[in-house]
Amino acid sequence: MGESPRSVSILFEPHAVSVIDLFRTFGSSEGHGSVAAMDGLEAELTRLIGPEASRATVSDSLLFGFALRRKRETPLDFRPLHSRWGSADEFCLMTLISAADGAHDDLALEAGRALGIAGEGPLMSLAHDICASLKSLPFKTAFLTKDTFEAVMGSRVILSEAERAAFASGYNRFHFSP
């Protein structure tokens, strides 16, 4: 009896759908990136983050999606536009964009690894720029929990020495070996 592929169900909150739709539009192999679709997505984002940040986000997402398609041999698994249901690939993208603020480097690196783009400087730089443009959106904190990422993706996020020391000192009743 063969194993069935691991299935993950993600339900994005409404503000997150506007952002993941950018990647669905620009990152999909079907090329949904029509001018009308771009204008609609930019208008949705403008309501949430303002016109300048919206233009920057759409522009950076377009570049990111193009570079991502060229880097990967296989396309990412994208759900239909406007769907709150998401795939594991979309969860990784949202985690990468949310964690690219410089304060969550381990998580951003792990999300990049899961997407097959870890160490890709230009893509990681674009992720940082998109993260900065979206700084005012509250959904990002939902993607910044290492435990959640590990549970969804089935991977272990590597702790830095400082995090390991803080964890071990906070729970000194137990012995932790590095």
Foldseek 3Di string as FASTA:
>chain_A
DDDDDDFFKAFADQVVLLLLLLLVQQQDPVNVVDPVSLVVSLVVVCVVQNNVLSVLLSVLSNVLNVVLNVQDPDGDDADDRPGRIGGLLSLLLLLLLLQLCPPQVLSNQVSCVVSVRRPVVVNSVSSNSNSVSCVPDPRSVVSRDQVVNCVRVVDHRDDDPVRVVVVCVVVVVDDDDD
